[in-house]
N, C-alpha and C. Protein backbone atom coordinates (compact mmCIF):
# COMPACT_ATOMS: atom_id res chain seq x y z
N UNK A 1 -3.08 13.88 -27.66
CA UNK A 1 -4.07 13.50 -26.68
C UNK A 1 -5.04 12.50 -27.30
N UNK A 2 -5.41 11.51 -26.55
CA UNK A 2 -6.32 10.48 -27.02
C UNK A 2 -7.74 11.03 -27.08
N UNK A 3 -8.45 10.68 -28.15
CA UNK A 3 -9.83 11.14 -28.31
C UNK A 3 -10.75 10.43 -27.33
N UNK A 4 -11.74 11.17 -26.86
CA UNK A 4 -12.73 10.60 -25.95
C UNK A 4 -13.57 9.58 -26.71
N UNK A 5 -13.92 8.44 -26.07
CA UNK A 5 -14.75 7.45 -26.75
C UNK A 5 -16.08 8.05 -27.18
N UNK A 6 -16.62 7.54 -28.29
CA UNK A 6 -17.88 8.08 -28.81
C UNK A 6 -19.09 7.59 -28.01
N UNK A 7 -18.93 6.55 -27.23
CA UNK A 7 -20.04 6.03 -26.44
C UNK A 7 -20.14 6.84 -25.15
N UNK A 8 -21.31 7.38 -24.88
CA UNK A 8 -21.53 8.13 -23.65
C UNK A 8 -21.81 7.17 -22.51
N UNK A 9 -21.52 7.61 -21.31
CA UNK A 9 -21.70 6.79 -20.12
C UNK A 9 -23.09 7.00 -19.54
N UNK A 10 -23.85 5.94 -19.48
CA UNK A 10 -25.17 5.98 -18.86
C UNK A 10 -25.22 4.85 -17.84
N UNK A 11 -25.13 5.16 -16.56
CA UNK A 11 -25.16 4.06 -15.59
C UNK A 11 -26.50 3.34 -15.61
N UNK A 12 -26.44 2.05 -15.44
CA UNK A 12 -27.64 1.24 -15.40
C UNK A 12 -28.39 1.58 -14.12
N UNK A 13 -29.70 1.83 -14.21
CA UNK A 13 -30.45 2.15 -12.99
C UNK A 13 -30.39 0.99 -12.00
N UNK A 14 -30.33 1.32 -10.72
CA UNK A 14 -30.31 0.30 -9.68
C UNK A 14 -31.68 -0.35 -9.52
N UNK A 15 -32.71 0.40 -9.76
CA UNK A 15 -34.06 -0.12 -9.53
C UNK A 15 -34.54 -0.90 -10.75
N UNK A 16 -35.08 -2.08 -10.49
CA UNK A 16 -35.63 -2.92 -11.55
C UNK A 16 -37.11 -2.60 -11.75
N UNK A 17 -37.58 -2.81 -12.95
CA UNK A 17 -38.99 -2.60 -13.24
C UNK A 17 -39.77 -3.91 -13.24
N UNK A 18 -39.04 -5.02 -13.52
CA UNK A 18 -39.69 -6.32 -13.62
C UNK A 18 -38.99 -7.33 -12.74
N UNK A 19 -39.73 -8.29 -12.25
CA UNK A 19 -39.21 -9.33 -11.38
C UNK A 19 -38.23 -10.21 -12.15
N UNK A 20 -37.07 -10.45 -11.58
CA UNK A 20 -36.09 -11.32 -12.22
C UNK A 20 -36.45 -12.80 -12.06
N UNK A 21 -37.43 -13.11 -11.22
CA UNK A 21 -37.87 -14.49 -11.04
C UNK A 21 -38.97 -14.88 -12.03
N UNK A 22 -39.93 -13.96 -12.26
CA UNK A 22 -41.08 -14.34 -13.11
C UNK A 22 -41.42 -13.32 -14.19
N UNK A 23 -40.79 -12.17 -14.20
CA UNK A 23 -41.01 -11.18 -15.25
C UNK A 23 -42.18 -10.24 -15.04
N UNK A 24 -42.87 -10.36 -13.93
CA UNK A 24 -44.02 -9.51 -13.62
C UNK A 24 -43.54 -8.11 -13.20
N UNK A 25 -44.30 -7.05 -13.56
CA UNK A 25 -43.91 -5.71 -13.09
C UNK A 25 -43.85 -5.65 -11.56
N UNK A 26 -42.88 -4.90 -11.05
CA UNK A 26 -42.68 -4.78 -9.61
C UNK A 26 -43.43 -3.59 -9.04
N UNK A 27 -43.75 -3.68 -7.77
CA UNK A 27 -44.35 -2.58 -7.02
C UNK A 27 -43.37 -2.20 -5.91
N UNK A 28 -43.40 -0.94 -5.52
CA UNK A 28 -42.48 -0.46 -4.49
C UNK A 28 -43.28 -0.11 -3.24
N UNK A 29 -42.94 -0.81 -2.14
CA UNK A 29 -43.57 -0.55 -0.86
C UNK A 29 -42.73 -1.18 0.25
N UNK A 30 -43.12 -0.92 1.49
CA UNK A 30 -42.43 -1.49 2.64
C UNK A 30 -43.03 -2.87 2.91
N UNK A 31 -42.21 -3.94 2.80
CA UNK A 31 -42.75 -5.27 3.08
C UNK A 31 -43.06 -5.44 4.57
N UNK A 32 -43.95 -6.34 4.86
CA UNK A 32 -44.31 -6.62 6.25
C UNK A 32 -43.05 -7.02 7.03
N UNK A 33 -42.87 -6.40 8.21
CA UNK A 33 -41.73 -6.71 9.05
C UNK A 33 -40.46 -5.98 8.66
N UNK A 34 -40.52 -5.10 7.67
CA UNK A 34 -39.34 -4.35 7.22
C UNK A 34 -39.54 -2.88 7.57
N UNK A 35 -38.55 -2.05 7.30
CA UNK A 35 -38.68 -0.62 7.58
C UNK A 35 -38.27 0.26 6.40
N UNK A 36 -38.06 -0.35 5.23
CA UNK A 36 -37.66 0.41 4.04
C UNK A 36 -38.50 -0.04 2.85
N UNK A 37 -38.66 0.88 1.91
CA UNK A 37 -39.33 0.51 0.66
C UNK A 37 -38.44 -0.44 -0.12
N UNK A 38 -39.05 -1.43 -0.71
CA UNK A 38 -38.36 -2.43 -1.54
C UNK A 38 -39.17 -2.65 -2.81
N UNK A 39 -38.51 -3.18 -3.83
CA UNK A 39 -39.23 -3.62 -5.04
C UNK A 39 -39.75 -5.02 -4.77
N UNK A 40 -41.07 -5.18 -4.89
CA UNK A 40 -41.73 -6.43 -4.53
C UNK A 40 -42.55 -6.93 -5.71
N UNK A 41 -42.47 -8.24 -5.92
CA UNK A 41 -43.30 -8.87 -6.95
C UNK A 41 -44.55 -9.42 -6.28
N UNK A 42 -45.71 -8.88 -6.66
CA UNK A 42 -46.96 -9.35 -6.08
C UNK A 42 -47.41 -10.68 -6.68
N UNK A 43 -46.77 -11.08 -7.78
CA UNK A 43 -47.13 -12.36 -8.41
C UNK A 43 -46.45 -13.55 -7.72
N UNK A 44 -45.11 -13.49 -7.56
CA UNK A 44 -44.39 -14.63 -6.97
C UNK A 44 -43.88 -14.36 -5.56
N UNK A 45 -43.99 -13.11 -5.08
CA UNK A 45 -43.60 -12.78 -3.73
C UNK A 45 -42.13 -12.40 -3.54
N UNK A 46 -41.34 -12.41 -4.61
CA UNK A 46 -39.91 -12.08 -4.48
C UNK A 46 -39.73 -10.63 -4.04
N UNK A 47 -38.80 -10.43 -3.11
CA UNK A 47 -38.43 -9.09 -2.68
C UNK A 47 -37.05 -8.81 -3.26
N UNK A 48 -36.92 -7.74 -4.01
CA UNK A 48 -35.67 -7.41 -4.70
C UNK A 48 -34.91 -6.38 -3.86
N UNK A 49 -33.99 -6.89 -3.03
CA UNK A 49 -33.18 -6.03 -2.16
C UNK A 49 -32.07 -5.38 -2.98
N UNK A 50 -31.75 -4.15 -2.65
CA UNK A 50 -30.61 -3.44 -3.23
C UNK A 50 -29.62 -3.16 -2.11
N UNK A 51 -28.36 -3.44 -2.36
CA UNK A 51 -27.32 -3.22 -1.37
C UNK A 51 -26.20 -2.38 -1.97
N UNK A 52 -25.39 -1.74 -1.13
CA UNK A 52 -24.29 -0.94 -1.66
C UNK A 52 -23.32 -1.78 -2.49
N UNK A 53 -22.72 -1.13 -3.47
CA UNK A 53 -21.70 -1.77 -4.30
C UNK A 53 -20.33 -1.45 -3.74
N UNK A 54 -19.45 -2.44 -3.77
CA UNK A 54 -18.09 -2.26 -3.28
C UNK A 54 -17.14 -1.97 -4.43
N UNK A 55 -16.38 -0.89 -4.26
CA UNK A 55 -15.27 -0.57 -5.17
C UNK A 55 -14.00 -0.91 -4.40
N UNK A 56 -13.15 -1.72 -5.00
CA UNK A 56 -11.94 -2.17 -4.32
C UNK A 56 -10.71 -1.81 -5.15
N UNK A 57 -9.64 -1.41 -4.46
CA UNK A 57 -8.42 -1.03 -5.17
C UNK A 57 -7.22 -1.01 -4.25
N UNK A 58 -6.13 -0.48 -4.77
CA UNK A 58 -4.87 -0.47 -4.03
C UNK A 58 -4.17 0.88 -4.14
N UNK A 59 -3.21 1.06 -3.24
CA UNK A 59 -2.25 2.16 -3.29
C UNK A 59 -0.90 1.48 -3.55
N UNK A 60 -0.58 1.17 -4.82
CA UNK A 60 0.66 0.48 -5.13
C UNK A 60 1.86 1.43 -5.07
N UNK A 61 2.96 0.95 -4.47
CA UNK A 61 4.15 1.78 -4.30
C UNK A 61 5.36 1.02 -4.85
N UNK A 62 6.22 1.75 -5.56
CA UNK A 62 7.50 1.23 -6.04
C UNK A 62 8.55 2.32 -5.81
N UNK A 63 9.51 2.04 -4.95
CA UNK A 63 10.59 2.97 -4.65
C UNK A 63 10.07 4.37 -4.32
N UNK A 64 9.12 4.44 -3.38
CA UNK A 64 8.52 5.69 -2.90
C UNK A 64 7.67 6.42 -3.94
N UNK A 65 7.38 5.76 -5.03
CA UNK A 65 6.47 6.34 -6.03
C UNK A 65 5.15 5.58 -6.01
N UNK A 66 4.06 6.31 -6.22
CA UNK A 66 2.72 5.74 -6.20
C UNK A 66 2.22 5.57 -7.63
N UNK A 67 1.53 4.48 -7.85
CA UNK A 67 0.98 4.17 -9.17
C UNK A 67 -0.38 4.83 -9.37
N UNK A 68 -0.52 5.55 -10.48
CA UNK A 68 -1.82 6.08 -10.89
C UNK A 68 -2.10 5.64 -12.32
N UNK A 69 -3.39 5.49 -12.62
CA UNK A 69 -3.84 5.12 -13.96
C UNK A 69 -4.72 6.23 -14.52
N UNK A 70 -4.54 6.54 -15.79
CA UNK A 70 -5.38 7.55 -16.45
C UNK A 70 -6.56 6.81 -17.09
N UNK A 71 -7.76 7.18 -16.69
CA UNK A 71 -8.97 6.46 -17.07
C UNK A 71 -9.27 6.54 -18.57
N UNK A 72 -9.59 5.37 -19.15
CA UNK A 72 -10.00 5.29 -20.55
C UNK A 72 -11.51 5.09 -20.66
N UNK A 73 -12.20 5.20 -19.53
CA UNK A 73 -13.65 4.98 -19.50
C UNK A 73 -14.32 6.08 -18.70
N UNK A 74 -15.60 6.23 -18.91
CA UNK A 74 -16.41 7.11 -18.08
C UNK A 74 -16.86 6.33 -16.85
N UNK A 75 -17.18 6.94 -15.77
CA UNK A 75 -17.13 8.39 -15.58
C UNK A 75 -15.70 8.88 -15.35
N UNK A 76 -15.51 10.17 -15.61
CA UNK A 76 -14.24 10.85 -15.36
C UNK A 76 -13.15 10.38 -16.32
N UNK A 77 -13.53 10.18 -17.57
CA UNK A 77 -12.58 9.83 -18.62
C UNK A 77 -11.39 10.79 -18.62
N UNK A 78 -10.19 10.26 -18.82
CA UNK A 78 -8.96 11.04 -18.99
C UNK A 78 -8.46 11.70 -17.70
N UNK A 79 -8.96 11.25 -16.55
CA UNK A 79 -8.45 11.73 -15.27
C UNK A 79 -7.71 10.58 -14.60
N UNK A 80 -6.95 10.91 -13.56
CA UNK A 80 -6.08 9.93 -12.91
C UNK A 80 -6.74 9.32 -11.68
N UNK A 81 -6.44 8.05 -11.44
CA UNK A 81 -7.03 7.33 -10.33
C UNK A 81 -6.06 6.27 -9.82
N UNK A 82 -6.28 5.84 -8.61
CA UNK A 82 -5.63 4.62 -8.14
C UNK A 82 -6.29 3.45 -8.85
N UNK A 83 -5.58 2.35 -9.08
CA UNK A 83 -6.23 1.21 -9.72
C UNK A 83 -7.31 0.64 -8.82
N UNK A 84 -8.54 0.61 -9.32
CA UNK A 84 -9.68 0.16 -8.53
C UNK A 84 -10.86 -0.10 -9.44
N UNK A 85 -11.82 -0.85 -8.94
CA UNK A 85 -13.04 -1.11 -9.69
C UNK A 85 -14.01 -1.91 -8.84
N UNK A 86 -15.13 -2.26 -9.44
CA UNK A 86 -16.17 -2.97 -8.70
C UNK A 86 -15.73 -4.40 -8.38
N UNK A 87 -15.97 -4.78 -7.15
CA UNK A 87 -15.73 -6.15 -6.70
C UNK A 87 -16.68 -7.08 -7.43
N UNK A 88 -16.18 -8.24 -7.80
CA UNK A 88 -16.99 -9.24 -8.50
C UNK A 88 -17.56 -10.25 -7.51
N UNK A 89 -18.64 -10.91 -7.89
CA UNK A 89 -19.18 -11.99 -7.08
C UNK A 89 -18.14 -13.10 -6.99
N UNK A 90 -18.08 -13.74 -5.84
CA UNK A 90 -17.19 -14.87 -5.67
C UNK A 90 -15.75 -14.52 -5.33
N UNK A 91 -15.47 -13.25 -5.07
CA UNK A 91 -14.11 -12.88 -4.68
C UNK A 91 -14.15 -12.06 -3.39
N UNK A 92 -13.04 -12.09 -2.67
CA UNK A 92 -12.91 -11.27 -1.47
C UNK A 92 -12.52 -9.85 -1.88
N UNK A 93 -12.58 -8.92 -0.93
CA UNK A 93 -12.15 -7.55 -1.25
C UNK A 93 -10.68 -7.54 -1.65
N UNK A 94 -9.86 -8.33 -0.97
CA UNK A 94 -8.43 -8.39 -1.28
C UNK A 94 -8.20 -8.96 -2.68
N UNK A 95 -8.91 -10.02 -3.03
CA UNK A 95 -8.77 -10.61 -4.36
C UNK A 95 -9.21 -9.61 -5.44
N UNK A 96 -10.31 -8.92 -5.18
CA UNK A 96 -10.79 -7.93 -6.15
C UNK A 96 -9.82 -6.78 -6.33
N UNK A 97 -9.24 -6.30 -5.23
CA UNK A 97 -8.27 -5.20 -5.31
C UNK A 97 -7.04 -5.60 -6.11
N UNK A 98 -6.54 -6.80 -5.87
CA UNK A 98 -5.38 -7.29 -6.62
C UNK A 98 -5.72 -7.48 -8.10
N UNK A 99 -6.89 -8.02 -8.39
CA UNK A 99 -7.32 -8.22 -9.78
C UNK A 99 -7.45 -6.89 -10.51
N UNK A 100 -8.12 -5.93 -9.87
CA UNK A 100 -8.29 -4.62 -10.50
C UNK A 100 -6.94 -3.95 -10.77
N UNK A 101 -6.00 -4.09 -9.84
CA UNK A 101 -4.68 -3.50 -10.03
C UNK A 101 -3.99 -4.11 -11.24
N UNK A 102 -4.04 -5.42 -11.37
CA UNK A 102 -3.43 -6.09 -12.51
C UNK A 102 -4.13 -5.71 -13.81
N UNK A 103 -5.46 -5.71 -13.81
CA UNK A 103 -6.22 -5.39 -15.02
C UNK A 103 -5.98 -3.95 -15.50
N UNK A 104 -5.97 -3.00 -14.58
CA UNK A 104 -5.89 -1.60 -14.97
C UNK A 104 -4.47 -1.11 -15.24
N UNK A 105 -3.48 -1.75 -14.60
CA UNK A 105 -2.11 -1.23 -14.73
C UNK A 105 -1.09 -2.25 -15.20
N UNK A 106 -1.39 -3.53 -15.06
CA UNK A 106 -0.43 -4.56 -15.35
C UNK A 106 0.61 -4.74 -14.26
N UNK A 107 0.51 -3.98 -13.17
CA UNK A 107 1.48 -4.06 -12.08
C UNK A 107 1.30 -5.36 -11.31
N UNK A 108 2.41 -5.98 -11.01
CA UNK A 108 2.42 -7.16 -10.13
C UNK A 108 2.69 -6.63 -8.73
N UNK A 109 1.86 -7.04 -7.77
CA UNK A 109 1.95 -6.47 -6.43
C UNK A 109 1.95 -7.55 -5.35
N UNK A 110 2.42 -7.15 -4.19
CA UNK A 110 2.20 -7.92 -2.97
C UNK A 110 1.22 -7.09 -2.15
N UNK A 111 0.05 -7.64 -1.92
CA UNK A 111 -1.00 -6.90 -1.24
C UNK A 111 -0.67 -6.73 0.23
N UNK A 112 -0.88 -5.53 0.74
CA UNK A 112 -0.65 -5.23 2.14
C UNK A 112 -1.95 -5.15 2.92
N UNK A 113 -1.93 -4.32 3.94
CA UNK A 113 -3.06 -4.20 4.86
C UNK A 113 -4.18 -3.32 4.27
N UNK A 114 -5.39 -3.53 4.79
CA UNK A 114 -6.51 -2.65 4.49
C UNK A 114 -6.12 -1.23 4.91
N UNK A 115 -6.36 -0.26 4.04
CA UNK A 115 -5.89 1.09 4.32
C UNK A 115 -7.02 2.10 4.51
N UNK A 116 -7.88 2.27 3.49
CA UNK A 116 -9.02 3.18 3.66
C UNK A 116 -10.31 2.44 3.35
N UNK A 117 -11.31 2.76 4.16
CA UNK A 117 -12.67 2.26 3.98
C UNK A 117 -13.55 3.50 3.98
N UNK A 118 -14.13 3.81 2.82
CA UNK A 118 -14.81 5.10 2.64
C UNK A 118 -16.27 4.85 2.25
N UNK A 119 -17.18 5.31 3.10
CA UNK A 119 -18.60 5.18 2.84
C UNK A 119 -19.08 6.33 1.96
N UNK A 120 -19.85 5.99 0.93
CA UNK A 120 -20.46 6.98 0.02
C UNK A 120 -21.95 6.68 -0.07
N UNK A 121 -22.72 6.97 1.00
CA UNK A 121 -24.12 6.57 1.03
C UNK A 121 -24.97 7.21 -0.05
N UNK A 122 -24.61 8.41 -0.52
CA UNK A 122 -25.42 9.10 -1.52
C UNK A 122 -25.37 8.43 -2.89
N UNK A 123 -24.36 7.58 -3.13
CA UNK A 123 -24.31 6.85 -4.40
C UNK A 123 -24.30 5.34 -4.17
N UNK A 124 -24.63 4.92 -2.96
CA UNK A 124 -24.77 3.50 -2.63
C UNK A 124 -23.49 2.70 -2.89
N UNK A 125 -22.34 3.29 -2.52
CA UNK A 125 -21.07 2.61 -2.71
C UNK A 125 -20.23 2.68 -1.43
N UNK A 126 -19.30 1.73 -1.33
CA UNK A 126 -18.26 1.73 -0.32
C UNK A 126 -16.95 1.50 -1.07
N UNK A 127 -15.96 2.38 -0.87
CA UNK A 127 -14.66 2.24 -1.53
C UNK A 127 -13.65 1.72 -0.53
N UNK A 128 -12.91 0.68 -0.92
CA UNK A 128 -11.94 0.02 -0.06
C UNK A 128 -10.60 0.01 -0.78
N UNK A 129 -9.56 0.57 -0.13
CA UNK A 129 -8.21 0.57 -0.70
C UNK A 129 -7.25 -0.15 0.23
N UNK A 130 -6.40 -0.97 -0.35
CA UNK A 130 -5.34 -1.68 0.37
C UNK A 130 -4.00 -1.05 0.03
N UNK A 131 -3.08 -1.09 0.97
CA UNK A 131 -1.70 -0.77 0.66
C UNK A 131 -1.13 -1.92 -0.17
N UNK A 132 -0.18 -1.62 -1.05
CA UNK A 132 0.42 -2.67 -1.87
C UNK A 132 1.86 -2.30 -2.22
N UNK A 133 2.70 -3.29 -2.25
CA UNK A 133 4.09 -3.10 -2.67
C UNK A 133 4.24 -3.71 -4.06
N UNK A 134 4.69 -2.91 -5.02
CA UNK A 134 4.91 -3.44 -6.36
C UNK A 134 6.12 -4.37 -6.34
N UNK A 135 6.06 -5.41 -7.15
CA UNK A 135 7.16 -6.37 -7.25
C UNK A 135 8.17 -5.96 -8.31
N UNK A 136 7.89 -4.86 -8.98
CA UNK A 136 8.77 -4.33 -10.02
C UNK A 136 8.11 -3.13 -10.66
N UNK A 137 8.86 -2.38 -11.46
CA UNK A 137 8.31 -1.15 -12.04
C UNK A 137 7.52 -1.34 -13.33
N UNK A 138 7.50 -2.54 -13.89
CA UNK A 138 6.90 -2.78 -15.20
C UNK A 138 5.38 -2.58 -15.13
N UNK A 139 4.86 -1.81 -16.09
CA UNK A 139 3.42 -1.55 -16.19
C UNK A 139 2.94 -1.94 -17.58
N UNK A 140 1.73 -2.44 -17.66
CA UNK A 140 1.12 -2.82 -18.93
C UNK A 140 -0.38 -2.59 -18.81
N UNK A 141 -0.82 -1.31 -18.97
CA UNK A 141 -2.22 -0.97 -18.72
C UNK A 141 -3.18 -1.74 -19.63
N UNK A 142 -4.32 -2.09 -19.04
CA UNK A 142 -5.37 -2.77 -19.79
C UNK A 142 -6.28 -1.77 -20.49
N UNK A 143 -7.38 -2.25 -21.08
CA UNK A 143 -8.25 -1.39 -21.90
C UNK A 143 -8.99 -0.30 -21.13
N UNK A 144 -9.08 -0.39 -19.80
CA UNK A 144 -9.77 0.65 -19.04
C UNK A 144 -8.85 1.81 -18.67
N UNK A 145 -7.57 1.71 -19.05
CA UNK A 145 -6.59 2.77 -18.73
C UNK A 145 -5.92 3.27 -19.99
N UNK A 146 -5.84 4.60 -20.13
CA UNK A 146 -5.10 5.19 -21.24
C UNK A 146 -3.59 5.03 -21.02
N UNK A 147 -3.19 5.11 -19.76
CA UNK A 147 -1.79 4.90 -19.39
C UNK A 147 -1.72 4.67 -17.89
N UNK A 148 -0.59 4.16 -17.46
CA UNK A 148 -0.30 3.99 -16.03
C UNK A 148 1.10 4.54 -15.80
N UNK A 149 1.28 5.14 -14.62
CA UNK A 149 2.55 5.82 -14.38
C UNK A 149 2.85 5.86 -12.88
N UNK A 150 4.15 5.78 -12.55
CA UNK A 150 4.61 5.94 -11.17
C UNK A 150 4.84 7.41 -10.89
N UNK A 151 4.32 7.92 -9.77
CA UNK A 151 4.42 9.34 -9.42
C UNK A 151 5.14 9.54 -8.09
N UNK A 152 6.07 10.48 -8.08
CA UNK A 152 6.60 11.01 -6.82
C UNK A 152 5.50 11.87 -6.20
N UNK A 153 5.54 12.07 -4.90
CA UNK A 153 4.51 12.88 -4.25
C UNK A 153 4.40 14.26 -4.89
N UNK A 154 5.51 14.88 -5.20
CA UNK A 154 5.50 16.24 -5.77
C UNK A 154 4.92 16.30 -7.18
N UNK A 155 4.77 15.15 -7.84
CA UNK A 155 4.28 15.10 -9.22
C UNK A 155 2.79 14.75 -9.31
N UNK A 156 2.17 14.38 -8.21
CA UNK A 156 0.77 13.94 -8.25
C UNK A 156 -0.10 15.02 -8.89
N UNK A 157 -0.91 14.67 -9.90
CA UNK A 157 -1.79 15.65 -10.55
C UNK A 157 -3.06 15.88 -9.72
N UNK A 158 -2.92 16.57 -8.59
CA UNK A 158 -4.01 16.73 -7.63
C UNK A 158 -5.27 17.30 -8.26
N UNK A 159 -5.14 18.23 -9.19
CA UNK A 159 -6.31 18.85 -9.79
C UNK A 159 -6.94 17.99 -10.88
N UNK A 160 -6.32 16.87 -11.19
CA UNK A 160 -6.80 16.01 -12.27
C UNK A 160 -7.06 14.58 -11.78
N UNK A 161 -7.38 14.44 -10.48
CA UNK A 161 -7.72 13.13 -9.94
C UNK A 161 -9.20 12.87 -10.14
N UNK A 162 -9.54 11.62 -10.40
CA UNK A 162 -10.90 11.27 -10.80
C UNK A 162 -11.94 11.38 -9.69
N UNK A 163 -11.59 10.97 -8.48
CA UNK A 163 -12.59 10.86 -7.43
C UNK A 163 -12.04 11.35 -6.09
N UNK A 164 -12.94 11.88 -5.26
CA UNK A 164 -12.52 12.34 -3.92
C UNK A 164 -11.97 11.20 -3.08
N UNK A 165 -12.45 9.99 -3.28
CA UNK A 165 -11.93 8.86 -2.51
C UNK A 165 -10.46 8.62 -2.83
N UNK A 166 -10.07 8.86 -4.06
CA UNK A 166 -8.66 8.73 -4.46
C UNK A 166 -7.85 9.86 -3.83
N UNK A 167 -8.37 11.07 -3.90
CA UNK A 167 -7.67 12.22 -3.32
C UNK A 167 -7.46 12.04 -1.82
N UNK A 168 -8.52 11.66 -1.11
CA UNK A 168 -8.39 11.52 0.34
C UNK A 168 -7.48 10.35 0.72
N UNK A 169 -7.56 9.27 -0.03
CA UNK A 169 -6.68 8.13 0.24
C UNK A 169 -5.22 8.51 0.03
N UNK A 170 -4.93 9.22 -1.05
CA UNK A 170 -3.55 9.65 -1.30
C UNK A 170 -3.07 10.64 -0.23
N UNK A 171 -3.92 11.55 0.19
CA UNK A 171 -3.52 12.50 1.25
C UNK A 171 -3.20 11.76 2.55
N UNK A 172 -4.05 10.79 2.90
CA UNK A 172 -3.76 9.97 4.09
C UNK A 172 -2.43 9.23 3.92
N UNK A 173 -2.21 8.68 2.73
CA UNK A 173 -0.99 7.92 2.50
C UNK A 173 0.25 8.80 2.70
N UNK A 174 0.27 9.97 2.08
CA UNK A 174 1.46 10.82 2.20
C UNK A 174 1.62 11.38 3.62
N UNK A 175 0.52 11.67 4.29
CA UNK A 175 0.61 12.10 5.69
C UNK A 175 1.16 10.99 6.58
N UNK A 176 0.64 9.77 6.39
CA UNK A 176 1.11 8.64 7.19
C UNK A 176 2.57 8.32 6.88
N UNK A 177 2.96 8.45 5.63
CA UNK A 177 4.35 8.17 5.26
C UNK A 177 5.30 9.14 5.97
N UNK A 178 4.88 10.40 6.08
CA UNK A 178 5.71 11.39 6.80
C UNK A 178 5.85 11.02 8.27
N UNK A 179 4.78 10.46 8.85
CA UNK A 179 4.79 10.04 10.25
C UNK A 179 5.52 8.72 10.46
N UNK A 180 5.68 7.96 9.37
CA UNK A 180 6.33 6.66 9.46
C UNK A 180 5.44 5.56 9.99
N UNK A 181 4.13 5.81 10.06
CA UNK A 181 3.17 4.83 10.57
C UNK A 181 1.92 4.86 9.70
N UNK A 182 1.55 3.69 9.16
CA UNK A 182 0.35 3.60 8.35
C UNK A 182 -0.75 2.97 9.18
N UNK A 183 -1.83 3.73 9.35
CA UNK A 183 -2.97 3.24 10.13
C UNK A 183 -4.19 3.20 9.22
N UNK A 184 -5.13 2.31 9.51
CA UNK A 184 -6.35 2.27 8.69
C UNK A 184 -7.19 3.53 8.91
N UNK A 185 -7.88 3.95 7.86
CA UNK A 185 -8.74 5.14 7.91
C UNK A 185 -10.15 4.74 7.46
N UNK A 186 -11.14 5.10 8.26
CA UNK A 186 -12.54 4.87 7.90
C UNK A 186 -13.29 6.19 8.05
N UNK A 187 -14.00 6.59 6.99
CA UNK A 187 -14.73 7.85 7.03
C UNK A 187 -15.81 7.85 5.97
N UNK A 188 -16.69 8.83 6.07
CA UNK A 188 -17.79 9.01 5.12
C UNK A 188 -17.55 10.28 4.34
N UNK A 189 -17.74 10.20 3.02
CA UNK A 189 -17.70 11.38 2.16
C UNK A 189 -19.12 11.64 1.69
N UNK A 190 -19.53 12.87 1.80
CA UNK A 190 -20.91 13.21 1.42
C UNK A 190 -21.07 13.47 -0.08
N UNK A 191 -19.96 13.51 -0.82
CA UNK A 191 -20.02 13.68 -2.26
C UNK A 191 -19.00 12.77 -2.90
N UNK A 192 -19.35 12.11 -4.01
CA UNK A 192 -18.43 11.17 -4.65
C UNK A 192 -17.41 11.85 -5.54
N UNK A 193 -17.54 13.10 -5.86
CA UNK A 193 -16.56 13.81 -6.69
C UNK A 193 -15.61 14.51 -5.81
């Protein structure tokens, strides 16, 4: 078994303390004409809006097997996940999902339709998964994955999946596959685990 990295995971706080425009300490209040508290710079007037972060990924399939990656990073180190990660600036959700799949697994894919859109308001995230057809079975996991592997439905490590969004997406996938029709799914999860 691979040893856990010695660096602990500490997520960067979403709230800033200083203005990114002028460096002045920020104050938190509801700006005029708004209805939510925001971080505001009283020196230069900048309002620092915070918006949900998008996690984008895929459900890659090769010969009725689904691709999972074993995480080499926190959170949820050493658990299994669909290939996914944070969308980058300047890319579409589809481009980000394809990039994350290649980075985490080395799988070459043909991206399919949008499959699950999952709101996670308690952690300020939205998870988006696309269906994907692998162009071959070859995998070459990147540094964020300990390994990548194709799984038959009966082999899925359900008790060792990293996130509820992965679990629910896989359950929808296998249910839809039994029905022979894949439809988009949109829902809210009240807990990210």
